[in-house]
Amino acid sequence: MVYCGECHQIYRRVHWNNRGCRSIVWRCVSRLEKKGSDCTSPTINEKVLQVAVVKAINEVLASKDTFLSTLQANIATVLNEEHDKITDNIDAKLDELQNELLRPANSKADYNEVTEEIYRLRELKQNALVENAEREGKRQRIAEMTAFLNEQLCDITEYDEQLVRRLIEKVTVFDDKVIVEFKSGVELNVEI
């Protein structure tokens, strides 16, 4: 969930012992695994990272009316169910073509055009089903975010792993900031 803003690799959680001082930090995997890596991304203390994520969540809570209206607009435009591709027309055409395929096959005529059209329609149907599933997943994530914003009455005071996993899609670490991307599509910059 934590990524490098420079080389876009994942960050890994590391137990660090620096001159007798033990701490938990996050480091870019390219710096950990590749000797002589060109990545100069910062090592970030876990507490600093957690504070940045909590700040982002609290910022969303502080302006929840604005975010709720944005989420509702997303639902109303891009994610509207009217945009779901209906596969009924494709299914009807496939049935028609399969019946049509029997005639040339029985008379030993060339049926390549019909089979190519069947394959093309099957691919269209598969693509439509995938797009519908992605849109439905996005709808669910926005609904979860909306429910969270409506339920939450006050700021979050401490880091909660379950809450973060529920709300946050990705955290990108840069030298001076962290970009927190929520599963609903909202992105926030938090200075560190």
N, C-alpha and C. Protein backbone atom coordinates (compact mmCIF):
# COMPACT_ATOMS: atom_id res chain seq x y z
N MET A 1 0.82 -1.19 0.00
CA MET A 1 0.00 0.00 0.00
C MET A 1 0.87 1.26 0.00
N VAL A 2 2.13 1.15 0.41
CA VAL A 2 3.03 2.31 0.46
C VAL A 2 4.01 2.20 -0.71
N TYR A 3 4.10 3.28 -1.50
CA TYR A 3 4.91 3.29 -2.71
C TYR A 3 5.89 4.45 -2.72
N CYS A 4 6.96 4.28 -3.47
CA CYS A 4 7.99 5.29 -3.64
C CYS A 4 7.53 6.31 -4.68
N GLY A 5 7.65 7.58 -4.37
CA GLY A 5 7.28 8.63 -5.31
C GLY A 5 8.31 8.81 -6.41
N GLU A 6 9.50 8.30 -6.21
CA GLU A 6 10.58 8.48 -7.19
C GLU A 6 10.62 7.34 -8.21
N CYS A 7 10.75 6.10 -7.74
CA CYS A 7 10.89 4.97 -8.68
C CYS A 7 9.62 4.11 -8.77
N HIS A 8 8.61 4.43 -7.97
CA HIS A 8 7.29 3.78 -8.00
C HIS A 8 7.32 2.32 -7.54
N GLN A 9 8.39 1.91 -6.86
CA GLN A 9 8.44 0.58 -6.26
C GLN A 9 7.72 0.65 -4.91
N ILE A 10 7.45 -0.52 -4.33
CA ILE A 10 6.78 -0.53 -3.03
C ILE A 10 7.77 -0.17 -1.93
N TYR A 11 7.25 0.30 -0.84
CA TYR A 11 8.05 0.52 0.37
C TYR A 11 7.86 -0.71 1.24
N ARG A 12 8.89 -1.07 1.96
CA ARG A 12 8.84 -2.23 2.83
C ARG A 12 9.10 -1.79 4.27
N ARG A 13 8.43 -2.42 5.18
CA ARG A 13 8.58 -2.15 6.61
C ARG A 13 9.84 -2.85 7.10
N VAL A 14 10.72 -2.09 7.78
CA VAL A 14 12.01 -2.62 8.21
C VAL A 14 12.24 -2.28 9.68
N HIS A 15 12.73 -3.26 10.44
CA HIS A 15 13.17 -3.00 11.81
C HIS A 15 14.60 -2.52 11.72
N TRP A 16 14.84 -1.33 12.24
CA TRP A 16 16.12 -0.67 12.07
C TRP A 16 16.80 -0.50 13.41
N ASN A 17 18.08 -0.75 13.42
CA ASN A 17 18.88 -0.51 14.62
C ASN A 17 20.01 0.43 14.23
N ASN A 18 19.79 1.70 14.47
CA ASN A 18 20.75 2.72 14.07
C ASN A 18 21.48 3.23 15.31
N ARG A 19 22.74 2.76 15.48
CA ARG A 19 23.59 3.15 16.61
C ARG A 19 22.91 2.89 17.97
N GLY A 20 22.32 1.73 18.06
CA GLY A 20 21.69 1.32 19.31
C GLY A 20 20.27 1.81 19.49
N CYS A 21 19.79 2.65 18.60
CA CYS A 21 18.43 3.17 18.67
C CYS A 21 17.55 2.34 17.73
N ARG A 22 16.64 1.58 18.31
CA ARG A 22 15.78 0.71 17.50
C ARG A 22 14.51 1.45 17.10
N SER A 23 14.14 1.26 15.85
CA SER A 23 12.91 1.88 15.36
C SER A 23 12.39 1.07 14.17
N ILE A 24 11.16 1.37 13.82
CA ILE A 24 10.56 0.75 12.64
C ILE A 24 10.44 1.83 11.59
N VAL A 25 10.99 1.55 10.40
CA VAL A 25 10.97 2.51 9.31
C VAL A 25 10.43 1.84 8.05
N TRP A 26 10.11 2.67 7.07
CA TRP A 26 9.69 2.20 5.76
C TRP A 26 10.71 2.70 4.75
N ARG A 27 11.16 1.77 3.88
CA ARG A 27 12.18 2.09 2.88
C ARG A 27 11.77 1.52 1.53
N CYS A 28 12.19 2.22 0.49
CA CYS A 28 11.92 1.76 -0.88
C CYS A 28 12.61 0.42 -1.10
N VAL A 29 11.90 -0.53 -1.67
CA VAL A 29 12.43 -1.87 -1.87
C VAL A 29 13.63 -1.85 -2.82
N SER A 30 13.68 -0.90 -3.75
CA SER A 30 14.82 -0.84 -4.67
C SER A 30 16.09 -0.46 -3.91
N ARG A 31 15.97 0.33 -2.85
CA ARG A 31 17.13 0.69 -2.04
C ARG A 31 17.55 -0.46 -1.13
N LEU A 32 16.58 -1.31 -0.76
CA LEU A 32 16.88 -2.43 0.11
C LEU A 32 17.52 -3.60 -0.64
N GLU A 33 17.03 -3.86 -1.84
CA GLU A 33 17.44 -5.07 -2.55
C GLU A 33 18.52 -4.85 -3.60
N LYS A 34 18.61 -3.68 -4.15
CA LYS A 34 19.56 -3.44 -5.23
C LYS A 34 20.70 -2.55 -4.73
N LYS A 35 21.86 -3.10 -4.70
CA LYS A 35 23.04 -2.30 -4.34
C LYS A 35 23.29 -1.30 -5.47
N GLY A 36 23.57 -0.08 -5.12
CA GLY A 36 23.85 0.95 -6.11
C GLY A 36 22.61 1.44 -6.84
N SER A 37 21.45 1.34 -6.22
CA SER A 37 20.21 1.81 -6.84
C SER A 37 20.26 3.33 -7.02
N ASP A 38 19.65 3.80 -8.10
CA ASP A 38 19.59 5.24 -8.37
C ASP A 38 18.52 5.94 -7.54
N CYS A 39 17.66 5.19 -6.89
CA CYS A 39 16.57 5.77 -6.11
C CYS A 39 17.13 6.46 -4.87
N THR A 40 16.72 7.69 -4.66
CA THR A 40 17.17 8.45 -3.49
C THR A 40 16.00 8.78 -2.57
N SER A 41 14.97 7.96 -2.63
CA SER A 41 13.79 8.22 -1.81
C SER A 41 14.13 8.16 -0.33
N PRO A 42 13.39 8.90 0.47
CA PRO A 42 13.71 8.94 1.89
C PRO A 42 13.27 7.68 2.63
N THR A 43 13.95 7.41 3.71
CA THR A 43 13.50 6.41 4.67
C THR A 43 12.56 7.16 5.60
N ILE A 44 11.39 6.60 5.86
CA ILE A 44 10.41 7.30 6.68
C ILE A 44 10.07 6.48 7.91
N ASN A 45 10.09 7.13 9.05
CA ASN A 45 9.75 6.49 10.31
C ASN A 45 8.27 6.10 10.28
N GLU A 46 7.97 4.93 10.82
CA GLU A 46 6.59 4.44 10.79
C GLU A 46 5.63 5.39 11.48
N LYS A 47 6.05 5.98 12.58
CA LYS A 47 5.18 6.91 13.32
C LYS A 47 4.85 8.13 12.45
N VAL A 48 5.84 8.64 11.73
CA VAL A 48 5.62 9.80 10.85
C VAL A 48 4.63 9.44 9.75
N LEU A 49 4.79 8.26 9.19
CA LEU A 49 3.88 7.79 8.15
C LEU A 49 2.46 7.64 8.69
N GLN A 50 2.32 7.07 9.86
CA GLN A 50 1.01 6.89 10.47
C GLN A 50 0.35 8.24 10.77
N VAL A 51 1.12 9.19 11.25
CA VAL A 51 0.58 10.52 11.54
C VAL A 51 0.09 11.18 10.25
N ALA A 52 0.83 11.02 9.17
CA ALA A 52 0.43 11.60 7.88
C ALA A 52 -0.88 11.00 7.40
N VAL A 53 -1.05 9.70 7.55
CA VAL A 53 -2.28 9.03 7.12
C VAL A 53 -3.45 9.48 7.98
N VAL A 54 -3.25 9.58 9.29
CA VAL A 54 -4.31 10.04 10.19
C VAL A 54 -4.68 11.48 9.84
N LYS A 55 -3.68 12.32 9.51
CA LYS A 55 -3.95 13.71 9.10
C LYS A 55 -4.84 13.74 7.87
N ALA A 56 -4.54 12.88 6.90
CA ALA A 56 -5.33 12.83 5.67
C ALA A 56 -6.77 12.42 5.96
N ILE A 57 -6.94 11.42 6.79
CA ILE A 57 -8.30 10.97 7.15
C ILE A 57 -9.04 12.09 7.87
N ASN A 58 -8.37 12.76 8.81
CA ASN A 58 -9.01 13.86 9.54
C ASN A 58 -9.33 15.04 8.63
N GLU A 59 -8.50 15.28 7.62
CA GLU A 59 -8.78 16.35 6.67
C GLU A 59 -10.05 16.04 5.89
N VAL A 60 -10.21 14.78 5.53
CA VAL A 60 -11.44 14.37 4.84
C VAL A 60 -12.63 14.55 5.78
N LEU A 61 -12.46 14.18 7.05
CA LEU A 61 -13.55 14.33 8.01
C LEU A 61 -13.90 15.80 8.24
N ALA A 62 -12.89 16.66 8.28
CA ALA A 62 -13.11 18.08 8.55
C ALA A 62 -13.93 18.74 7.44
N SER A 63 -13.74 18.29 6.24
CA SER A 63 -14.51 18.86 5.13
C SER A 63 -15.39 17.79 4.50
N LYS A 64 -16.06 17.03 5.34
CA LYS A 64 -16.84 15.90 4.84
C LYS A 64 -17.99 16.32 3.94
N ASP A 65 -18.58 17.49 4.16
CA ASP A 65 -19.67 17.93 3.29
C ASP A 65 -19.20 18.09 1.85
N THR A 66 -18.01 18.68 1.69
CA THR A 66 -17.44 18.85 0.35
C THR A 66 -17.14 17.50 -0.29
N PHE A 67 -16.52 16.60 0.50
CA PHE A 67 -16.19 15.29 -0.03
C PHE A 67 -17.44 14.47 -0.34
N LEU A 68 -18.46 14.59 0.50
CA LEU A 68 -19.70 13.85 0.23
C LEU A 68 -20.34 14.33 -1.07
N SER A 69 -20.33 15.64 -1.31
CA SER A 69 -20.92 16.13 -2.56
C SER A 69 -20.09 15.67 -3.76
N THR A 70 -18.75 15.62 -3.60
CA THR A 70 -17.89 15.12 -4.67
C THR A 70 -18.17 13.65 -4.94
N LEU A 71 -18.31 12.87 -3.87
CA LEU A 71 -18.60 11.44 -4.05
C LEU A 71 -19.94 11.24 -4.73
N GLN A 72 -20.94 12.03 -4.33
CA GLN A 72 -22.26 11.90 -4.95
C GLN A 72 -22.20 12.28 -6.43
N ALA A 73 -21.40 13.29 -6.75
CA ALA A 73 -21.24 13.69 -8.16
C ALA A 73 -20.58 12.57 -8.96
N ASN A 74 -19.58 11.90 -8.36
CA ASN A 74 -18.94 10.77 -9.02
C ASN A 74 -19.94 9.67 -9.31
N ILE A 75 -20.77 9.40 -8.33
CA ILE A 75 -21.77 8.35 -8.51
C ILE A 75 -22.75 8.74 -9.61
N ALA A 76 -23.17 10.00 -9.59
CA ALA A 76 -24.18 10.45 -10.55
C ALA A 76 -23.66 10.49 -11.98
N THR A 77 -22.37 10.73 -12.19
CA THR A 77 -21.88 10.86 -13.56
C THR A 77 -21.24 9.58 -14.05
N VAL A 78 -20.02 9.35 -13.67
CA VAL A 78 -19.22 8.26 -14.23
C VAL A 78 -19.76 6.89 -13.85
N LEU A 79 -20.22 6.77 -12.63
CA LEU A 79 -20.56 5.44 -12.13
C LEU A 79 -22.04 5.11 -12.20
N ASN A 80 -22.81 5.91 -12.89
CA ASN A 80 -24.24 5.69 -12.97
C ASN A 80 -24.52 4.34 -13.61
N GLU A 81 -25.53 3.66 -13.12
CA GLU A 81 -25.87 2.33 -13.63
C GLU A 81 -26.28 2.37 -15.09
N GLU A 82 -26.72 3.52 -15.58
CA GLU A 82 -27.09 3.62 -16.99
C GLU A 82 -25.89 3.35 -17.89
N HIS A 83 -24.68 3.60 -17.36
CA HIS A 83 -23.49 3.39 -18.16
C HIS A 83 -23.07 1.91 -18.23
N ASP A 84 -23.68 1.07 -17.40
CA ASP A 84 -23.35 -0.35 -17.46
C ASP A 84 -23.76 -0.90 -18.82
N LYS A 85 -22.85 -1.62 -19.41
CA LYS A 85 -23.12 -2.20 -20.72
C LYS A 85 -24.07 -3.37 -20.54
N ILE A 86 -25.13 -3.35 -21.30
CA ILE A 86 -26.12 -4.43 -21.22
C ILE A 86 -25.69 -5.54 -22.17
N THR A 87 -25.58 -6.73 -21.62
CA THR A 87 -25.11 -7.86 -22.41
C THR A 87 -26.27 -8.63 -23.05
N ASP A 88 -27.51 -8.24 -22.76
CA ASP A 88 -28.66 -8.96 -23.34
C ASP A 88 -28.66 -8.91 -24.86
N ASN A 89 -28.33 -7.74 -25.43
CA ASN A 89 -28.30 -7.61 -26.89
C ASN A 89 -27.22 -8.51 -27.49
N ILE A 90 -26.08 -8.57 -26.81
CA ILE A 90 -24.98 -9.41 -27.29
C ILE A 90 -25.39 -10.88 -27.22
N ASP A 91 -26.05 -11.27 -26.11
CA ASP A 91 -26.50 -12.66 -25.96
C ASP A 91 -27.50 -13.04 -27.06
N ALA A 92 -28.43 -12.14 -27.36
CA ALA A 92 -29.42 -12.42 -28.40
C ALA A 92 -28.74 -12.59 -29.76
N LYS A 93 -27.78 -11.72 -30.05
CA LYS A 93 -27.06 -11.81 -31.32
C LYS A 93 -26.23 -13.11 -31.39
N LEU A 94 -25.63 -13.48 -30.26
CA LEU A 94 -24.86 -14.74 -30.22
C LEU A 94 -25.77 -15.94 -30.50
N ASP A 95 -26.94 -15.98 -29.88
CA ASP A 95 -27.89 -17.08 -30.14
C ASP A 95 -28.27 -17.13 -31.62
N GLU A 96 -28.53 -15.96 -32.17
CA GLU A 96 -28.90 -15.87 -33.58
C GLU A 96 -27.76 -16.40 -34.47
N LEU A 97 -26.54 -16.00 -34.18
CA LEU A 97 -25.40 -16.44 -34.98
C LEU A 97 -25.12 -17.93 -34.82
N GLN A 98 -25.32 -18.45 -33.62
CA GLN A 98 -25.09 -19.89 -33.43
C GLN A 98 -26.11 -20.71 -34.21
N ASN A 99 -27.35 -20.23 -34.27
CA ASN A 99 -28.35 -20.91 -35.10
C ASN A 99 -27.99 -20.79 -36.57
N GLU A 100 -27.50 -19.60 -36.95
CA GLU A 100 -27.09 -19.37 -38.33
C GLU A 100 -25.88 -20.23 -38.70
N LEU A 101 -25.04 -20.50 -37.71
CA LEU A 101 -23.84 -21.32 -37.93
C LEU A 101 -24.19 -22.76 -38.29
N LEU A 102 -25.31 -23.25 -37.80
CA LEU A 102 -25.71 -24.63 -38.08
C LEU A 102 -26.02 -24.86 -39.56
N ARG A 103 -26.62 -23.87 -40.22
CA ARG A 103 -26.97 -24.03 -41.63
C ARG A 103 -25.75 -24.26 -42.51
N PRO A 104 -24.72 -23.38 -42.49
CA PRO A 104 -23.55 -23.64 -43.35
C PRO A 104 -22.78 -24.89 -42.92
N ALA A 105 -22.78 -25.19 -41.63
CA ALA A 105 -22.04 -26.36 -41.17
C ALA A 105 -22.70 -27.64 -41.66
N ASN A 106 -24.04 -27.68 -41.66
CA ASN A 106 -24.76 -28.85 -42.14
C ASN A 106 -24.62 -29.03 -43.65
N SER A 107 -24.53 -27.92 -44.37
CA SER A 107 -24.40 -28.01 -45.83
C SER A 107 -22.93 -27.99 -46.26
N LYS A 108 -22.03 -28.09 -45.30
CA LYS A 108 -20.59 -28.12 -45.55
C LYS A 108 -20.09 -26.89 -46.33
N ALA A 109 -20.72 -25.76 -46.05
CA ALA A 109 -20.30 -24.50 -46.68
C ALA A 109 -19.31 -23.79 -45.75
N ASP A 110 -18.76 -22.69 -46.24
CA ASP A 110 -17.79 -21.93 -45.46
C ASP A 110 -18.52 -21.14 -44.36
N TYR A 111 -18.10 -21.31 -43.14
CA TYR A 111 -18.75 -20.63 -42.02
C TYR A 111 -17.74 -19.82 -41.19
N ASN A 112 -16.61 -19.47 -41.79
CA ASN A 112 -15.59 -18.70 -41.08
C ASN A 112 -16.07 -17.32 -40.64
N GLU A 113 -16.83 -16.63 -41.50
CA GLU A 113 -17.32 -15.29 -41.15
C GLU A 113 -18.21 -15.34 -39.92
N VAL A 114 -19.08 -16.32 -39.87
CA VAL A 114 -20.00 -16.44 -38.74
C VAL A 114 -19.23 -16.75 -37.45
N THR A 115 -18.26 -17.65 -37.52
CA THR A 115 -17.50 -17.99 -36.31
C THR A 115 -16.66 -16.81 -35.84
N GLU A 116 -16.09 -16.04 -36.79
CA GLU A 116 -15.32 -14.86 -36.39
C GLU A 116 -16.20 -13.84 -35.68
N GLU A 117 -17.42 -13.68 -36.18
CA GLU A 117 -18.36 -12.74 -35.55
C GLU A 117 -18.75 -13.24 -34.16
N ILE A 118 -18.91 -14.56 -34.00
CA ILE A 118 -19.22 -15.13 -32.68
C ILE A 118 -18.08 -14.85 -31.71
N TYR A 119 -16.85 -15.08 -32.14
CA TYR A 119 -15.70 -14.80 -31.27
C TYR A 119 -15.61 -13.32 -30.91
N ARG A 120 -15.88 -12.46 -31.89
CA ARG A 120 -15.84 -11.02 -31.64
C ARG A 120 -16.90 -10.61 -30.61
N LEU A 121 -18.11 -11.16 -30.74
CA LEU A 121 -19.18 -10.83 -29.81
C LEU A 121 -18.90 -11.38 -28.41
N ARG A 122 -18.30 -12.57 -28.34
CA ARG A 122 -17.93 -13.12 -27.03
C ARG A 122 -16.91 -12.23 -26.33
N GLU A 123 -15.96 -11.71 -27.10
CA GLU A 123 -14.95 -10.81 -26.52
C GLU A 123 -15.60 -9.51 -26.06
N LEU A 124 -16.52 -8.98 -26.87
CA LEU A 124 -17.25 -7.76 -26.47
C LEU A 124 -18.02 -7.99 -25.17
N LYS A 125 -18.66 -9.15 -25.08
CA LYS A 125 -19.44 -9.46 -23.88
C LYS A 125 -18.52 -9.55 -22.67
N GLN A 126 -17.38 -10.20 -22.82
CA GLN A 126 -16.43 -10.34 -21.71
C GLN A 126 -15.93 -8.97 -21.26
N ASN A 127 -15.59 -8.11 -22.23
CA ASN A 127 -15.14 -6.76 -21.89
C ASN A 127 -16.22 -5.96 -21.16
N ALA A 128 -17.47 -6.11 -21.62
CA ALA A 128 -18.58 -5.41 -20.97
C ALA A 128 -18.76 -5.90 -19.54
N LEU A 129 -18.64 -7.21 -19.32
CA LEU A 129 -18.79 -7.77 -17.98
C LEU A 129 -17.67 -7.27 -17.05
N VAL A 130 -16.46 -7.19 -17.57
CA VAL A 130 -15.33 -6.69 -16.77
C VAL A 130 -15.54 -5.22 -16.40
N GLU A 131 -15.96 -4.41 -17.38
CA GLU A 131 -16.21 -2.99 -17.10
C GLU A 131 -17.31 -2.82 -16.07
N ASN A 132 -18.37 -3.61 -16.17
CA ASN A 132 -19.47 -3.54 -15.20
C ASN A 132 -18.99 -3.91 -13.80
N ALA A 133 -18.16 -4.94 -13.71
CA ALA A 133 -17.64 -5.37 -12.40
C ALA A 133 -16.74 -4.29 -11.80
N GLU A 134 -15.90 -3.67 -12.62
CA GLU A 134 -15.03 -2.59 -12.11
C GLU A 134 -15.86 -1.42 -11.62
N ARG A 135 -16.90 -1.07 -12.36
CA ARG A 135 -17.76 0.04 -11.96
C ARG A 135 -18.49 -0.30 -10.66
N GLU A 136 -18.93 -1.54 -10.53
CA GLU A 136 -19.62 -1.95 -9.31
C GLU A 136 -18.68 -1.90 -8.11
N GLY A 137 -17.43 -2.32 -8.30
CA GLY A 137 -16.44 -2.24 -7.23
C GLY A 137 -16.22 -0.79 -6.80
N LYS A 138 -16.14 0.10 -7.76
CA LYS A 138 -15.96 1.54 -7.47
C LYS A 138 -17.17 2.07 -6.72
N ARG A 139 -18.37 1.65 -7.13
CA ARG A 139 -19.58 2.07 -6.42
C ARG A 139 -19.54 1.64 -4.95
N GLN A 140 -19.11 0.40 -4.72
CA GLN A 140 -19.04 -0.11 -3.35
C GLN A 140 -18.03 0.66 -2.52
N ARG A 141 -16.86 0.98 -3.10
CA ARG A 141 -15.85 1.74 -2.36
C ARG A 141 -16.35 3.14 -2.02
N ILE A 142 -17.06 3.77 -2.96
CA ILE A 142 -17.61 5.10 -2.69
C ILE A 142 -18.70 5.01 -1.63
N ALA A 143 -19.51 3.97 -1.68
CA ALA A 143 -20.56 3.79 -0.66
C ALA A 143 -19.94 3.58 0.72
N GLU A 144 -18.84 2.80 0.80
CA GLU A 144 -18.16 2.61 2.08
C GLU A 144 -17.60 3.91 2.62
N MET A 145 -17.00 4.71 1.73
CA MET A 145 -16.44 5.99 2.15
C MET A 145 -17.55 6.93 2.61
N THR A 146 -18.66 6.95 1.89
CA THR A 146 -19.79 7.79 2.27
C THR A 146 -20.34 7.36 3.63
N ALA A 147 -20.49 6.06 3.84
CA ALA A 147 -20.98 5.56 5.13
C ALA A 147 -20.03 5.94 6.26
N PHE A 148 -18.74 5.80 6.03
CA PHE A 148 -17.75 6.16 7.04
C PHE A 148 -17.86 7.64 7.39
N LEU A 149 -17.92 8.50 6.36
CA LEU A 149 -18.01 9.94 6.62
C LEU A 149 -19.28 10.30 7.37
N ASN A 150 -20.39 9.64 7.05
CA ASN A 150 -21.65 9.93 7.74
C ASN A 150 -21.64 9.44 9.19
N GLU A 151 -20.94 8.32 9.45
CA GLU A 151 -20.91 7.75 10.81
C GLU A 151 -19.94 8.47 11.73
N GLN A 152 -18.84 8.96 11.19
CA GLN A 152 -17.77 9.52 12.00
C GLN A 152 -18.15 10.91 12.49
N LEU A 153 -18.16 11.08 13.80
CA LEU A 153 -18.57 12.35 14.38
C LEU A 153 -17.40 13.24 14.77
N CYS A 154 -16.25 12.65 15.03
CA CYS A 154 -15.11 13.46 15.47
C CYS A 154 -13.83 12.98 14.79
N ASP A 155 -12.75 13.74 15.01
CA ASP A 155 -11.46 13.39 14.43
C ASP A 155 -10.93 12.09 15.00
N ILE A 156 -10.09 11.45 14.24
CA ILE A 156 -9.41 10.24 14.69
C ILE A 156 -8.15 10.67 15.42
N THR A 157 -7.92 10.10 16.58
CA THR A 157 -6.77 10.53 17.39
C THR A 157 -5.58 9.60 17.25
N GLU A 158 -5.82 8.36 16.87
CA GLU A 158 -4.70 7.43 16.72
C GLU A 158 -4.88 6.56 15.48
N TYR A 159 -3.77 6.02 15.03
CA TYR A 159 -3.72 5.19 13.84
C TYR A 159 -4.47 3.88 14.08
N ASP A 160 -5.32 3.50 13.12
CA ASP A 160 -6.09 2.26 13.21
C ASP A 160 -5.89 1.49 11.90
N GLU A 161 -5.16 0.39 11.98
CA GLU A 161 -4.80 -0.40 10.79
C GLU A 161 -6.03 -0.85 10.00
N GLN A 162 -7.07 -1.32 10.69
CA GLN A 162 -8.27 -1.80 10.00
C GLN A 162 -8.96 -0.67 9.24
N LEU A 163 -9.06 0.48 9.87
CA LEU A 163 -9.68 1.62 9.24
C LEU A 163 -8.89 2.04 8.00
N VAL A 164 -7.58 2.08 8.13
CA VAL A 164 -6.72 2.47 7.01
C VAL A 164 -6.88 1.49 5.86
N ARG A 165 -6.90 0.21 6.13
CA ARG A 165 -7.06 -0.79 5.07
C ARG A 165 -8.42 -0.67 4.39
N ARG A 166 -9.42 -0.24 5.17
CA ARG A 166 -10.76 -0.07 4.62
C ARG A 166 -10.88 1.15 3.71
N LEU A 167 -10.15 2.23 4.05
CA LEU A 167 -10.32 3.50 3.36
C LEU A 167 -9.25 3.84 2.34
N ILE A 168 -8.00 3.44 2.61
CA ILE A 168 -6.86 3.91 1.82
C ILE A 168 -6.48 2.88 0.76
N GLU A 169 -6.30 3.38 -0.46
CA GLU A 169 -5.86 2.54 -1.57
C GLU A 169 -4.34 2.53 -1.66
N LYS A 170 -3.73 3.72 -1.52
CA LYS A 170 -2.30 3.83 -1.79
C LYS A 170 -1.74 5.05 -1.06
N VAL A 171 -0.50 4.91 -0.59
CA VAL A 171 0.24 6.02 0.02
C VAL A 171 1.55 6.13 -0.74
N THR A 172 1.82 7.31 -1.30
CA THR A 172 3.04 7.52 -2.07
C THR A 172 3.94 8.49 -1.31
N VAL A 173 5.19 8.07 -1.05
CA VAL A 173 6.13 8.85 -0.25
C VAL A 173 7.07 9.64 -1.15
N PHE A 174 7.16 10.94 -0.89
CA PHE A 174 8.11 11.83 -1.55
C PHE A 174 9.03 12.42 -0.48
N ASP A 175 9.99 13.25 -0.88
CA ASP A 175 10.93 13.84 0.07
C ASP A 175 10.23 14.70 1.13
N ASP A 176 9.27 15.51 0.70
CA ASP A 176 8.67 16.48 1.60
C ASP A 176 7.19 16.28 1.86
N LYS A 177 6.61 15.29 1.21
CA LYS A 177 5.17 15.07 1.37
C LYS A 177 4.81 13.60 1.16
N VAL A 178 3.57 13.30 1.52
CA VAL A 178 2.99 11.98 1.30
C VAL A 178 1.66 12.22 0.60
N ILE A 179 1.40 11.48 -0.48
CA ILE A 179 0.11 11.57 -1.14
C ILE A 179 -0.71 10.35 -0.73
N VAL A 180 -1.86 10.62 -0.11
CA VAL A 180 -2.75 9.56 0.36
C VAL A 180 -3.92 9.47 -0.62
N GLU A 181 -4.05 8.30 -1.24
CA GLU A 181 -5.14 8.07 -2.21
C GLU A 181 -6.17 7.15 -1.55
N PHE A 182 -7.38 7.66 -1.41
CA PHE A 182 -8.46 6.88 -0.82
C PHE A 182 -9.07 5.96 -1.87
N LYS A 183 -9.71 4.89 -1.43
CA LYS A 183 -10.31 3.93 -2.35
C LYS A 183 -11.43 4.56 -3.16
N SER A 184 -11.99 5.64 -2.66
CA SER A 184 -13.06 6.33 -3.38
C SER A 184 -12.54 7.18 -4.52
N GLY A 185 -11.20 7.34 -4.61
CA GLY A 185 -10.61 8.15 -5.67
C GLY A 185 -10.11 9.50 -5.20
N VAL A 186 -10.43 9.90 -3.98
CA VAL A 186 -9.98 11.18 -3.43
C VAL A 186 -8.49 11.08 -3.10
N GLU A 187 -7.73 12.12 -3.47
CA GLU A 187 -6.28 12.17 -3.17
C GLU A 187 -5.98 13.40 -2.34
N LEU A 188 -5.12 13.24 -1.33
CA LEU A 188 -4.71 14.36 -0.49
C LEU A 188 -3.21 14.39 -0.35
N ASN A 189 -2.64 15.60 -0.40
CA ASN A 189 -1.20 15.79 -0.12
C ASN A 189 -1.05 16.16 1.34
N VAL A 190 -0.14 15.47 2.03
CA VAL A 190 0.14 15.77 3.42
C VAL A 190 1.63 16.02 3.55
N GLU A 191 2.00 17.22 4.03
CA GLU A 191 3.41 17.54 4.20
C GLU A 191 3.97 16.80 5.42
N ILE A 192 5.22 16.33 5.27
CA ILE A 192 5.85 15.64 6.40
C ILE A 192 7.09 16.39 6.86
